[in-house]
Amino acid sequence: MQRFLLAKRTWLVLLALVCAAYFYGLGSFPLIGPDEPRYAQVAREMHARGDWVTPTLAGHTWFEKPVLAYWLMIVSYKLFGVTELAARAGSALAGVLTFLLVGLAARRAEFESGEALRGYGIACASVMASTLGLVAFSHAASFDVLLTATVAASLVCFYLSEVERDARARRRLLAGFYAFVGASLLAKGLVGLIIPAGVVAFYFILRRRWPARLGILWGVPLCLAVAAVWYAPVIARHGSTFVNEFFIQHHFARYVSNKYHHPQPFYFYLPIILMLALPWTLFFVSGFVSLRETNARADDAATKLRVLMLAWLVVPLLFFSASGSKLPGYVLPALPAVALLAGDRLHKYLRGAGGLSTMRLTGALALLFCAAGSAIAFTRAGARLHLPELSLGCALAIVLPAGVAGLVALFLTRKRALCAVAIVSATLLTIPLIVACALERATQRETAAHLLSAAKAQGFGALPVVHLHAVDRTTEFYAAGRLAYDLDGEPVKFEGAHDVAEFARSHGGSALVLVPVEHASQLTVEPGLDVKALSDNGSLALVLVRTR
């Protein structure tokens, strides 16, 4: 009984730490990059219209992604208002759910295996919670982390059905598998079907068993029924336009070509997965190598989970590696398998079955990160070369947890529980420190939010906004309703000051222009324009133009 209460308390403490780390500061820094502001704006327009079916951007249909992330944002907008926090809250929730799902699968393997795997669940869950990939993507308005959560839910249901003895409970778990595959279709389209189906198929190939009682005849209709909650009304409303844009252009053309300009070599995701696994990369590699000792045909719960880990890792890696378009987040659905493999080796280390050298090397990597961060901090403080807005004290605070954890792991390696707690705590503490201390200032060059806020403070918040020579996608959220778009639904980008002058004349005589700092002077020599520089972020300048 005492052991049960201690385990329950450990889970509750870990859950509290994870929630604090994942939700802290979500609204303290602006939306950045090309995707976050667009996704947030699409949800804002759906929210404003009360429309749960048709995604739009600047009034144009936007069928790049399915709707589940937008639905979460709409609910958050209703609760918290249209803010950065609301745009990202769904991703943080998906990250926490992924951590819990990995813990659930590992905990079931622990329960079925008895004393031999005591502590297995908390070890795997701790690794999942503190992997760089999950923590980072949970702090962004991302479709990838939502897909990761729904895929994890489907595969965990499948695994639980594989070790369940009661036929009725097994049927319910299989229903959960199919329902979450349907949710994955709502999270990111056809890939939400391909990954779970591929993983399950490869799992049975590895086990050299023919799948029995999978309930395909009733499961597939259940999956389609869940997905049809959105696909049916959107196809009914938009027909061939939706099919062409969503399936043909943003699924098949994106996969087989470089149409969207994200080319990478076939092996791209190998280093990416190693980086996403930090700080547990070495434990993951050790866990992957140890799979060669597994008898894939054994029927115990631990073996079934290890076989599922391998299939869960390999299928997404191969599928996305074969794609003509590659971005780091695409492979995120494989991360739970990475965490389970790393957690398997961490558990053995905690039980005294080796792993000392792996933990020492993990500590050395943490110290290397600390040393590199400290060196950069001192360089910035002295020569003011790279991000002068990041103070020395702030930089040192960010690397301190890694330094402490590295020292503990390197020199107190035989204090196994202490080392594991130090590494997990360092990761979960470092992210909030980065958010609180540096992220808002460090991202200023990546967003127009501050520029447009400064213009509003000076009384120019109602003027139309255009771009000269370069487009900053964050304006699609922060200048919504004022940003000029062309007939194709893209932000207007002028290539000459004369075009800016013509636009201003046709829109009341005044406009705000976002232009690369090095090209801002072009506006001052344009006849017929009065120009006033309002602010800049080191990359873009915001200029007020008035016609004479």
Protein backbone atom coordinates (compact mmCIF):
# COMPACT_ATOMS: atom_id res chain seq x y z
CA MET A 1 0.00 0.00 0.00
CA GLN A 2 2.81 2.41 0.89
CA ARG A 3 4.52 1.67 -2.42
CA PHE A 4 1.26 2.37 -4.28
CA LEU A 5 0.80 5.72 -2.52
CA LEU A 6 4.39 6.69 -3.27
CA ALA A 7 4.00 5.80 -6.94
CA LYS A 8 0.74 7.77 -7.15
CA ARG A 9 2.40 10.78 -5.53
CA THR A 10 5.29 10.57 -7.99
CA TRP A 11 2.91 10.57 -10.94
CA LEU A 12 0.99 13.56 -9.59
CA VAL A 13 4.18 15.55 -8.99
CA LEU A 14 5.44 14.77 -12.49
CA LEU A 15 2.09 15.71 -14.03
CA ALA A 16 2.08 19.03 -12.16
CA LEU A 17 5.62 19.81 -13.34
CA VAL A 18 4.79 18.91 -16.93
CA CYS A 19 1.65 21.07 -16.98
CA ALA A 20 3.57 23.99 -15.48
CA ALA A 21 6.40 23.68 -17.99
CA TYR A 22 4.16 23.17 -21.03
CA PHE A 23 1.60 25.91 -20.32
CA TYR A 24 3.87 28.51 -18.77
CA GLY A 25 4.39 31.64 -20.87
CA LEU A 26 2.44 30.54 -23.94
CA GLY A 27 1.16 34.08 -24.38
CA SER A 28 4.33 35.92 -23.41
CA PHE A 29 5.91 35.97 -26.86
CA PRO A 30 4.41 36.77 -30.26
CA LEU A 31 3.44 34.33 -32.97
CA ILE A 32 6.46 33.71 -35.18
CA GLY A 33 7.35 32.10 -38.49
CA PRO A 34 5.07 31.68 -41.48
CA ASP A 35 2.75 29.06 -39.97
CA GLU A 36 1.77 30.12 -36.45
CA PRO A 37 0.19 33.46 -37.42
CA ARG A 38 -1.62 31.99 -40.42
CA TYR A 39 -3.12 29.12 -38.44
CA ALA A 40 -4.15 31.49 -35.65
CA GLN A 41 -5.75 33.86 -38.14
CA VAL A 42 -7.65 31.09 -39.92
CA ALA A 43 -9.15 30.06 -36.57
CA ARG A 44 -9.90 33.70 -35.75
CA GLU A 45 -11.89 34.14 -38.98
CA MET A 46 -13.83 30.92 -38.37
CA HIS A 47 -14.50 32.07 -34.80
CA ALA A 48 -15.68 35.51 -35.95
CA ARG A 49 -18.12 33.97 -38.47
CA GLY A 50 -19.28 31.21 -36.14
CA ASP A 51 -18.32 28.79 -38.91
CA TRP A 52 -16.90 25.41 -37.82
CA VAL A 53 -16.59 24.02 -41.35
CA THR A 54 -14.75 26.30 -43.80
CA PRO A 55 -11.21 27.50 -42.95
CA THR A 56 -10.46 30.88 -44.55
CA LEU A 57 -7.55 33.29 -44.63
CA ALA A 58 -8.41 36.89 -45.53
CA GLY A 59 -11.76 35.58 -46.72
CA HIS A 60 -10.23 33.05 -49.15
CA THR A 61 -10.77 29.36 -48.51
CA TRP A 62 -7.72 27.80 -46.85
CA PHE A 63 -7.65 24.06 -47.37
CA GLU A 64 -4.01 23.41 -46.54
CA LYS A 65 -4.80 21.59 -43.28
CA PRO A 66 -7.84 19.89 -41.70
CA VAL A 67 -9.82 21.41 -38.91
CA LEU A 68 -9.06 19.85 -35.51
CA ALA A 69 -6.38 22.39 -34.53
CA TYR A 70 -8.66 25.24 -35.60
CA TRP A 71 -11.47 23.84 -33.47
CA LEU A 72 -9.19 23.79 -30.43
CA MET A 73 -8.15 27.38 -31.12
CA ILE A 74 -11.77 28.49 -31.50
CA VAL A 75 -12.66 26.96 -28.14
CA SER A 76 -9.61 28.67 -26.61
CA TYR A 77 -10.59 31.99 -28.20
CA LYS A 78 -13.99 31.67 -26.56
CA LEU A 79 -12.34 31.01 -23.18
CA PHE A 80 -9.31 33.31 -23.27
CA GLY A 81 -9.94 35.77 -26.09
CA VAL A 82 -8.02 36.01 -29.36
CA THR A 83 -4.49 35.85 -27.95
CA GLU A 84 -1.23 34.01 -28.46
CA LEU A 85 -2.03 31.93 -25.37
CA ALA A 86 -5.30 30.78 -26.88
CA ALA A 87 -3.66 29.95 -30.22
CA ARG A 88 -1.09 27.71 -28.52
CA ALA A 89 -3.13 26.16 -25.71
CA GLY A 90 -4.28 23.23 -27.86
CA SER A 91 -0.70 22.31 -28.68
CA ALA A 92 0.31 22.37 -25.01
CA LEU A 93 -2.67 20.18 -24.16
CA ALA A 94 -1.68 17.75 -26.93
CA GLY A 95 1.85 17.60 -25.51
CA VAL A 96 0.58 16.77 -22.02
CA LEU A 97 -1.76 14.11 -23.43
CA THR A 98 1.12 12.53 -25.36
CA PHE A 99 3.16 12.30 -22.15
CA LEU A 100 0.21 10.65 -20.36
CA LEU A 101 -0.43 8.20 -23.20
CA VAL A 102 3.19 7.03 -23.27
CA GLY A 103 3.04 6.64 -19.51
CA LEU A 104 -0.20 4.65 -19.81
CA ALA A 105 1.29 2.18 -22.30
CA ALA A 106 4.46 1.70 -20.26
CA ARG A 107 2.49 1.44 -17.03
CA ARG A 108 0.38 -1.36 -18.51
CA ALA A 109 3.53 -3.23 -19.54
CA GLU A 110 4.80 -2.73 -15.99
CA PHE A 111 1.55 -4.05 -14.51
CA GLU A 112 1.56 -7.14 -16.74
CA SER A 113 5.24 -7.91 -16.02
CA GLY A 114 5.23 -7.48 -12.26
CA GLU A 115 8.35 -6.79 -10.22
CA ALA A 116 10.69 -7.12 -13.22
CA LEU A 117 9.42 -3.82 -14.68
CA ARG A 118 8.62 -1.92 -11.50
CA GLY A 119 9.05 1.79 -12.22
CA TYR A 120 8.93 1.28 -15.99
CA GLY A 121 5.92 3.53 -16.51
CA ILE A 122 7.31 6.54 -14.69
CA ALA A 123 10.68 6.15 -16.43
CA CYS A 124 9.16 6.19 -19.93
CA ALA A 125 6.73 8.98 -19.08
CA SER A 126 9.54 11.11 -17.64
CA VAL A 127 11.57 10.71 -20.80
CA MET A 128 8.58 11.59 -22.99
CA ALA A 129 7.82 14.68 -20.93
CA SER A 130 11.37 15.99 -21.12
CA THR A 131 12.29 15.38 -24.77
CA LEU A 132 13.26 18.55 -26.60
CA GLY A 133 10.97 17.82 -29.54
CA LEU A 134 7.75 17.47 -27.56
CA VAL A 135 8.49 20.41 -25.26
CA ALA A 136 9.37 22.74 -28.14
CA PHE A 137 6.46 21.88 -30.43
CA SER A 138 4.01 22.05 -27.52
CA HIS A 139 4.89 25.75 -27.23
CA ALA A 140 3.84 26.52 -30.82
CA ALA A 141 0.55 26.62 -32.70
CA SER A 142 1.37 23.35 -34.45
CA PHE A 143 -0.53 20.63 -36.31
CA ASP A 144 2.35 18.19 -35.82
CA VAL A 145 2.05 17.88 -32.05
CA LEU A 146 -1.71 17.40 -32.38
CA LEU A 147 -1.13 14.59 -34.90
CA THR A 148 1.43 13.11 -32.51
CA ALA A 149 -1.16 13.01 -29.72
CA THR A 150 -3.94 11.43 -31.82
CA VAL A 151 -1.57 8.86 -33.37
CA ALA A 152 -0.24 8.06 -29.89
CA ALA A 153 -3.80 7.62 -28.61
CA SER A 154 -4.66 5.23 -31.44
CA LEU A 155 -1.51 3.12 -31.07
CA VAL A 156 -1.72 3.01 -27.28
CA CYS A 157 -5.32 1.74 -27.61
CA PHE A 158 -4.06 -0.87 -30.07
CA TYR A 159 -1.29 -1.97 -27.69
CA LEU A 160 -3.67 -2.20 -24.75
CA SER A 161 -5.98 -4.35 -26.87
CA GLU A 162 -3.04 -6.64 -27.64
CA VAL A 163 -2.40 -7.35 -23.96
CA GLU A 164 -6.03 -7.31 -22.81
CA ARG A 165 -7.51 -10.69 -21.89
CA ASP A 166 -11.17 -9.73 -21.54
CA ALA A 167 -12.90 -9.88 -24.94
CA ARG A 168 -15.36 -7.07 -24.22
CA ALA A 169 -12.64 -4.70 -22.96
CA ARG A 170 -10.49 -5.60 -25.95
CA ARG A 171 -13.32 -4.66 -28.29
CA ARG A 172 -13.70 -1.29 -26.56
CA LEU A 173 -9.97 -0.64 -26.91
CA LEU A 174 -10.08 -1.48 -30.61
CA ALA A 175 -12.99 0.94 -30.95
CA GLY A 176 -10.73 3.54 -29.36
CA PHE A 177 -8.00 2.70 -31.88
CA TYR A 178 -10.31 3.28 -34.84
CA ALA A 179 -11.90 6.39 -33.31
CA PHE A 180 -8.50 8.00 -32.73
CA VAL A 181 -7.41 7.14 -36.28
CA GLY A 182 -10.48 9.11 -37.33
CA ALA A 183 -9.34 11.95 -35.07
CA SER A 184 -5.89 11.77 -36.69
CA LEU A 185 -7.56 12.30 -40.06
CA LEU A 186 -9.05 15.46 -38.57
CA ALA A 187 -5.66 16.44 -37.13
CA LYS A 188 -3.56 16.34 -40.31
CA GLY A 189 -5.29 14.52 -43.12
CA LEU A 190 -4.41 11.22 -44.76
CA VAL A 191 -1.11 10.87 -42.92
CA GLY A 192 -3.23 10.34 -39.80
CA LEU A 193 -4.49 7.12 -41.38
CA ILE A 194 -1.25 6.01 -43.05
CA ILE A 195 0.94 6.10 -39.93
CA PRO A 196 -1.26 4.08 -37.52
CA ALA A 197 -2.23 1.58 -40.23
CA GLY A 198 1.38 1.23 -41.33
CA VAL A 199 2.65 0.80 -37.77
CA VAL A 200 0.07 -1.88 -36.97
CA ALA A 201 0.79 -3.73 -40.23
CA PHE A 202 4.56 -3.65 -39.63
CA TYR A 203 4.01 -4.76 -36.03
CA PHE A 204 2.34 -7.96 -37.22
CA ILE A 205 5.02 -8.47 -39.87
CA LEU A 206 7.72 -8.23 -37.20
CA ARG A 207 5.85 -10.67 -34.99
CA ARG A 208 5.17 -12.96 -37.96
CA ARG A 209 1.58 -13.30 -36.83
CA TRP A 210 -1.63 -12.91 -38.79
CA PRO A 211 -3.80 -10.23 -37.17
CA ALA A 212 -6.88 -11.71 -35.54
CA ARG A 213 -10.01 -10.02 -34.24
CA LEU A 214 -9.05 -6.51 -35.34
CA GLY A 215 -12.67 -5.63 -36.03
CA ILE A 216 -11.93 -4.15 -39.43
CA LEU A 217 -15.48 -4.64 -40.71
CA TRP A 218 -16.92 -2.38 -38.01
CA GLY A 219 -13.75 -0.44 -37.16
CA VAL A 220 -13.21 1.19 -40.54
CA PRO A 221 -16.78 2.58 -40.64
CA LEU A 222 -16.24 3.92 -37.10
CA CYS A 223 -13.02 5.63 -38.19
CA LEU A 224 -14.72 7.16 -41.22
CA ALA A 225 -17.70 8.26 -39.13
CA VAL A 226 -15.42 10.21 -36.79
CA ALA A 227 -13.59 11.83 -39.71
CA ALA A 228 -16.89 12.55 -41.48
CA VAL A 229 -17.80 15.02 -38.73
CA TRP A 230 -15.85 17.57 -40.80
CA TYR A 231 -15.05 15.95 -44.15
CA ALA A 232 -18.73 15.37 -45.00
CA PRO A 233 -19.92 18.97 -44.54
CA VAL A 234 -16.81 20.56 -46.09
CA ILE A 235 -17.04 18.35 -49.20
CA ALA A 236 -20.79 18.98 -49.41
CA ARG A 237 -20.16 22.71 -49.24
CA HIS A 238 -17.09 23.02 -51.49
CA GLY A 239 -17.01 19.86 -53.58
CA SER A 240 -14.22 19.53 -56.16
CA THR A 241 -12.51 22.73 -55.00
CA PHE A 242 -11.82 21.16 -51.61
CA VAL A 243 -10.83 17.79 -53.08
CA ASN A 244 -8.35 19.42 -55.47
CA GLU A 245 -6.76 21.79 -52.97
CA PHE A 246 -6.77 19.55 -49.90
CA PHE A 247 -6.09 16.08 -51.26
CA ILE A 248 -4.38 16.61 -54.62
CA GLN A 249 -2.32 19.75 -53.96
CA HIS A 250 -1.59 19.55 -50.22
CA HIS A 251 -1.32 15.77 -49.93
CA PHE A 252 -0.17 14.07 -53.11
CA ALA A 253 1.67 16.97 -54.78
CA ARG A 254 3.34 17.91 -51.48
CA TYR A 255 4.51 14.33 -50.92
CA VAL A 256 5.83 13.46 -54.38
CA SER A 257 7.33 16.83 -55.36
CA ASN A 258 9.13 19.90 -54.08
CA LYS A 259 6.18 22.13 -54.95
CA TYR A 260 6.25 23.83 -51.54
CA HIS A 261 10.04 24.31 -51.50
CA HIS A 262 11.13 22.09 -48.59
CA PRO A 263 13.70 19.78 -50.24
CA GLN A 264 16.03 17.74 -48.06
CA PRO A 265 18.13 14.59 -48.56
CA PHE A 266 16.63 11.16 -47.83
CA TYR A 267 18.59 10.83 -44.56
CA PHE A 268 17.37 14.22 -43.27
CA TYR A 269 15.28 12.77 -40.46
CA LEU A 270 18.06 10.69 -38.92
CA PRO A 271 19.88 13.69 -37.39
CA ILE A 272 16.53 15.39 -36.77
CA ILE A 273 15.22 12.52 -34.66
CA LEU A 274 18.45 12.49 -32.67
CA MET A 275 18.05 16.21 -31.94
CA LEU A 276 14.37 15.88 -31.07
CA ALA A 277 15.31 13.14 -28.58
CA LEU A 278 17.65 15.37 -26.54
CA PRO A 279 18.65 15.09 -23.73
CA TRP A 280 17.87 11.36 -24.00
CA THR A 281 19.54 10.77 -27.37
CA LEU A 282 22.17 8.37 -26.08
CA PHE A 283 19.60 6.35 -24.13
CA PHE A 284 17.49 6.19 -27.29
CA VAL A 285 20.42 4.89 -29.35
CA SER A 286 21.16 2.32 -26.67
CA GLY A 287 17.51 1.26 -26.60
CA PHE A 288 17.38 0.93 -30.37
CA VAL A 289 20.52 -1.22 -30.43
CA SER A 290 19.11 -3.44 -27.68
CA LEU A 291 16.12 -4.37 -29.83
CA ARG A 292 18.27 -6.97 -31.58
CA GLU A 293 17.98 -9.05 -28.39
CA THR A 294 14.17 -9.11 -28.58
CA ASN A 295 12.31 -12.28 -29.54
CA ALA A 296 9.58 -10.59 -31.56
CA ARG A 297 7.28 -13.61 -31.42
CA ALA A 298 7.12 -13.78 -27.62
CA ASP A 299 3.69 -13.09 -26.13
CA ASP A 300 4.58 -11.17 -22.99
CA ALA A 301 3.42 -7.54 -22.69
CA ALA A 302 6.94 -6.06 -22.55
CA THR A 303 7.98 -7.77 -25.79
CA LYS A 304 4.83 -6.64 -27.57
CA LEU A 305 5.56 -3.08 -26.53
CA ARG A 306 9.16 -3.28 -27.75
CA VAL A 307 8.03 -4.60 -31.12
CA LEU A 308 5.49 -1.80 -31.33
CA MET A 309 8.26 0.71 -30.49
CA LEU A 310 10.28 -0.47 -33.46
CA ALA A 311 7.35 -0.35 -35.87
CA TRP A 312 6.28 3.04 -34.46
CA LEU A 313 9.77 4.41 -35.11
CA VAL A 314 10.49 2.90 -38.51
CA VAL A 315 7.21 3.55 -40.34
CA PRO A 316 7.07 7.35 -39.85
CA LEU A 317 10.82 7.67 -40.51
CA LEU A 318 10.65 5.79 -43.80
CA PHE A 319 7.38 7.39 -44.88
CA PHE A 320 8.53 10.96 -44.36
CA SER A 321 12.05 10.27 -45.62
CA ALA A 322 10.56 9.25 -48.97
CA SER A 323 8.65 12.52 -49.24
CA GLY A 324 9.76 15.26 -51.63
CA SER A 325 8.89 17.86 -48.99
CA LYS A 326 10.51 17.67 -45.56
CA LEU A 327 10.21 19.79 -42.43
CA PRO A 328 11.50 18.82 -38.96
CA GLY A 329 8.05 18.66 -37.40
CA TYR A 330 6.75 16.07 -39.84
CA VAL A 331 8.54 13.23 -38.04
CA LEU A 332 7.25 14.24 -34.59
CA PRO A 333 4.70 11.35 -34.50
CA ALA A 334 7.67 8.96 -34.17
CA LEU A 335 8.83 10.67 -30.97
CA PRO A 336 6.73 8.57 -28.54
CA ALA A 337 8.53 5.48 -29.85
CA VAL A 338 11.85 7.26 -29.31
CA ALA A 339 10.82 8.06 -25.73
CA LEU A 340 9.74 4.47 -25.06
CA LEU A 341 13.06 3.14 -26.35
CA ALA A 342 15.01 5.65 -24.27
CA GLY A 343 12.77 5.03 -21.26
CA ASP A 344 13.39 1.29 -21.56
CA ARG A 345 17.14 1.85 -21.16
CA LEU A 346 16.67 4.48 -18.45
CA HIS A 347 14.59 1.97 -16.49
CA LYS A 348 17.34 -0.63 -16.74
CA TYR A 349 19.85 1.98 -15.54
CA LEU A 350 17.62 2.84 -12.59
CA ARG A 351 17.33 -0.86 -11.71
CA GLY A 352 21.12 -1.21 -11.71
CA ALA A 353 21.41 -3.09 -15.02
CA GLY A 354 24.15 -1.06 -16.67
CA GLY A 355 23.77 2.30 -18.36
CA LEU A 356 26.49 4.04 -16.32
CA SER A 357 28.49 5.11 -19.35
CA THR A 358 25.34 6.26 -21.13
CA MET A 359 24.41 8.48 -18.19
CA ARG A 360 27.95 9.86 -17.94
CA LEU A 361 27.93 10.75 -21.63
CA THR A 362 24.49 12.35 -21.20
CA GLY A 363 25.96 14.43 -18.39
CA ALA A 364 28.89 15.39 -20.59
CA LEU A 365 26.44 16.56 -23.30
CA ALA A 366 24.61 18.67 -20.73
CA LEU A 367 27.90 20.23 -19.62
CA LEU A 368 28.81 20.89 -23.23
CA PHE A 369 25.52 22.74 -23.70
CA CYS A 370 26.20 24.71 -20.53
CA ALA A 371 29.74 25.59 -21.62
CA ALA A 372 28.65 26.64 -25.09
CA GLY A 373 25.83 28.78 -23.71
CA SER A 374 28.13 30.40 -21.17
CA ALA A 375 30.74 31.17 -23.81
CA ILE A 376 28.13 32.80 -26.04
CA ALA A 377 26.81 34.76 -23.06
CA PHE A 378 30.24 36.15 -22.23
CA THR A 379 30.86 36.98 -25.88
CA ARG A 380 27.60 38.89 -26.06
CA ALA A 381 28.34 40.72 -22.84
CA GLY A 382 31.79 41.77 -24.08
CA ALA A 383 31.64 42.32 -27.82
CA ARG A 384 27.84 42.61 -28.17
CA LEU A 385 28.03 40.53 -31.31
CA HIS A 386 24.90 38.39 -31.49
CA LEU A 387 21.62 39.16 -29.63
CA PRO A 388 22.68 42.09 -27.47
CA GLU A 389 19.25 42.14 -25.86
CA LEU A 390 20.03 38.85 -24.05
CA SER A 391 21.74 39.82 -20.80
CA LEU A 392 24.60 37.88 -19.27
CA GLY A 393 22.54 37.04 -16.19
CA CYS A 394 19.67 35.76 -18.30
CA ALA A 395 21.93 33.59 -20.45
CA LEU A 396 23.64 32.08 -17.42
CA ALA A 397 20.29 31.37 -15.73
CA ILE A 398 19.19 29.44 -18.83
CA VAL A 399 22.26 27.17 -18.89
CA LEU A 400 22.55 26.70 -15.11
CA PRO A 401 20.07 23.77 -14.81
CA ALA A 402 21.90 21.89 -17.55
CA GLY A 403 25.20 22.55 -15.84
CA VAL A 404 23.98 21.24 -12.50
CA ALA A 405 22.38 18.18 -14.10
CA GLY A 406 25.53 17.52 -16.12
CA LEU A 407 27.72 17.59 -13.03
CA VAL A 408 25.37 15.27 -11.16
CA ALA A 409 25.19 12.80 -14.07
CA LEU A 410 28.93 12.86 -14.68
CA PHE A 411 30.25 12.60 -11.12
CA LEU A 412 27.38 11.02 -9.16
CA THR A 413 26.44 8.45 -11.78
CA ARG A 414 25.80 5.66 -9.30
CA LYS A 415 23.14 7.72 -7.56
CA ARG A 416 20.78 6.63 -10.26
CA ALA A 417 17.49 8.16 -9.18
CA LEU A 418 19.20 11.50 -8.49
CA CYS A 419 20.72 11.56 -11.98
CA ALA A 420 17.42 10.81 -13.68
CA VAL A 421 15.57 13.44 -11.66
CA ALA A 422 18.31 15.98 -12.42
CA ILE A 423 18.11 15.48 -16.19
CA VAL A 424 14.30 15.57 -16.27
CA SER A 425 14.15 18.61 -13.99
CA ALA A 426 16.80 20.47 -15.99
CA THR A 427 14.82 20.13 -19.20
CA LEU A 428 11.48 21.06 -17.65
CA LEU A 429 13.07 24.08 -15.93
CA THR A 430 15.16 25.31 -18.86
CA ILE A 431 12.19 25.81 -21.19
CA PRO A 432 10.29 28.16 -18.84
CA LEU A 433 13.53 30.04 -18.22
CA ILE A 434 14.00 30.53 -21.95
CA VAL A 435 10.39 31.68 -22.31
CA ALA A 436 10.55 34.04 -19.34
CA CYS A 437 14.01 35.43 -19.87
CA ALA A 438 14.85 35.48 -23.56
CA LEU A 439 12.26 34.27 -26.04
CA GLU A 440 10.15 37.41 -26.35
CA ARG A 441 13.22 39.58 -27.03
CA ALA A 442 15.07 37.00 -29.07
CA THR A 443 12.17 36.65 -31.51
CA GLN A 444 11.70 40.35 -32.21
CA ARG A 445 13.44 40.07 -35.58
CA GLU A 446 11.08 37.22 -36.51
CA THR A 447 7.79 39.08 -36.14
CA ALA A 448 6.08 42.33 -37.07
CA ALA A 449 4.01 42.29 -33.88
CA HIS A 450 6.12 44.90 -32.08
CA LEU A 451 6.28 47.16 -35.14
CA LEU A 452 2.52 47.19 -35.60
CA SER A 453 1.98 47.68 -31.88
CA ALA A 454 4.28 50.71 -31.98
CA ALA A 455 2.33 52.13 -34.94
CA LYS A 456 -0.93 51.70 -33.04
CA ALA A 457 0.53 53.50 -30.03
CA GLN A 458 1.35 56.45 -32.32
CA GLY A 459 -2.20 56.60 -33.66
CA PHE A 460 -1.71 54.75 -36.95
CA GLY A 461 -3.38 51.47 -36.00
CA ALA A 462 -6.18 51.77 -38.56
CA LEU A 463 -4.09 52.33 -41.72
CA PRO A 464 -3.79 49.70 -44.48
CA VAL A 465 -0.58 47.63 -44.49
CA VAL A 466 1.51 46.54 -47.48
CA HIS A 467 4.92 44.98 -48.08
CA LEU A 468 7.79 46.21 -50.18
CA HIS A 469 10.29 43.61 -51.48
CA ALA A 470 9.59 41.02 -48.75
CA VAL A 471 6.55 39.51 -47.01
CA ASP A 472 6.39 38.99 -43.26
CA ARG A 473 3.72 36.35 -42.62
CA THR A 474 3.12 37.46 -39.04
CA THR A 475 1.23 40.45 -40.46
CA GLU A 476 -1.54 38.04 -41.48
CA PHE A 477 -2.47 37.85 -37.80
CA TYR A 478 -1.25 41.16 -36.37
CA ALA A 479 -2.51 43.31 -39.27
CA ALA A 480 -5.65 41.26 -39.91
CA GLY A 481 -8.35 43.29 -41.63
CA ARG A 482 -5.84 45.92 -42.78
CA LEU A 483 -3.32 43.83 -44.71
CA ALA A 484 -3.65 44.11 -48.49
CA TYR A 485 -4.10 40.84 -50.39
CA ASP A 486 -3.99 40.10 -54.12
CA LEU A 487 -6.60 38.16 -56.09
CA ASP A 488 -4.86 34.85 -55.30
CA GLY A 489 -5.22 35.41 -51.56
CA GLU A 490 -1.54 36.26 -51.01
CA PRO A 491 -0.32 39.38 -49.16
CA VAL A 492 0.51 42.16 -51.63
CA LYS A 493 4.27 42.52 -52.16
CA PHE A 494 5.33 45.56 -54.18
CA GLU A 495 8.69 45.69 -55.92
CA GLY A 496 8.94 49.46 -56.27
CA ALA A 497 8.20 52.65 -54.31
CA HIS A 498 6.02 53.91 -57.16
CA ASP A 499 3.60 51.01 -56.63
CA VAL A 500 3.45 51.91 -52.93
CA ALA A 501 2.56 55.49 -53.80
CA GLU A 502 -0.22 54.36 -56.14
CA PHE A 503 -1.62 52.07 -53.45
CA ALA A 504 -1.61 54.88 -50.86
CA ARG A 505 -3.41 57.24 -53.26
CA SER A 506 -6.15 54.69 -53.85
CA HIS A 507 -6.58 54.00 -50.10
CA GLY A 508 -7.15 57.43 -48.60
CA GLY A 509 -3.65 58.84 -49.09
CA SER A 510 -1.86 56.99 -46.26
CA ALA A 511 -0.47 53.50 -45.64
CA LEU A 512 1.96 51.57 -43.51
CA VAL A 513 4.78 49.86 -45.40
CA LEU A 514 6.88 46.96 -44.12
CA VAL A 515 10.20 46.93 -45.93
CA PRO A 516 13.63 45.36 -45.30
CA VAL A 517 15.74 47.90 -43.41
CA GLU A 518 18.31 48.11 -46.21
CA HIS A 519 15.63 49.10 -48.74
CA ALA A 520 13.71 51.63 -46.63
CA SER A 521 15.52 54.57 -48.23
CA GLN A 522 13.82 53.81 -51.56
CA LEU A 523 10.62 55.31 -50.22
CA THR A 524 12.25 58.63 -49.33
CA VAL A 525 13.23 59.38 -52.94
CA GLU A 526 9.81 58.65 -54.41
CA PRO A 527 8.21 61.91 -55.69
CA GLY A 528 4.85 62.71 -54.17
CA LEU A 529 5.38 60.80 -50.92
CA ASP A 530 5.93 62.09 -47.40
CA VAL A 531 7.73 59.40 -45.44
CA LYS A 532 8.13 58.84 -41.72
CA ALA A 533 10.03 55.89 -40.25
CA LEU A 534 8.08 54.60 -37.25
CA SER A 535 10.23 51.71 -35.99
CA ASP A 536 12.28 48.70 -37.02
CA ASN A 537 13.22 45.34 -35.55
CA GLY A 538 16.68 45.12 -37.11
CA SER A 539 15.31 43.20 -40.07
CA LEU A 540 12.18 45.05 -41.17
CA ALA A 541 11.30 48.72 -40.97
CA LEU A 542 7.77 50.03 -40.60
CA VAL A 543 7.31 53.24 -42.56
CA LEU A 544 4.35 55.62 -42.71
CA VAL A 545 3.77 57.03 -46.19
CA ARG A 546 1.41 59.85 -47.13
CA THR A 547 0.69 61.20 -50.59
CA ARG A 548 1.06 64.92 -51.19
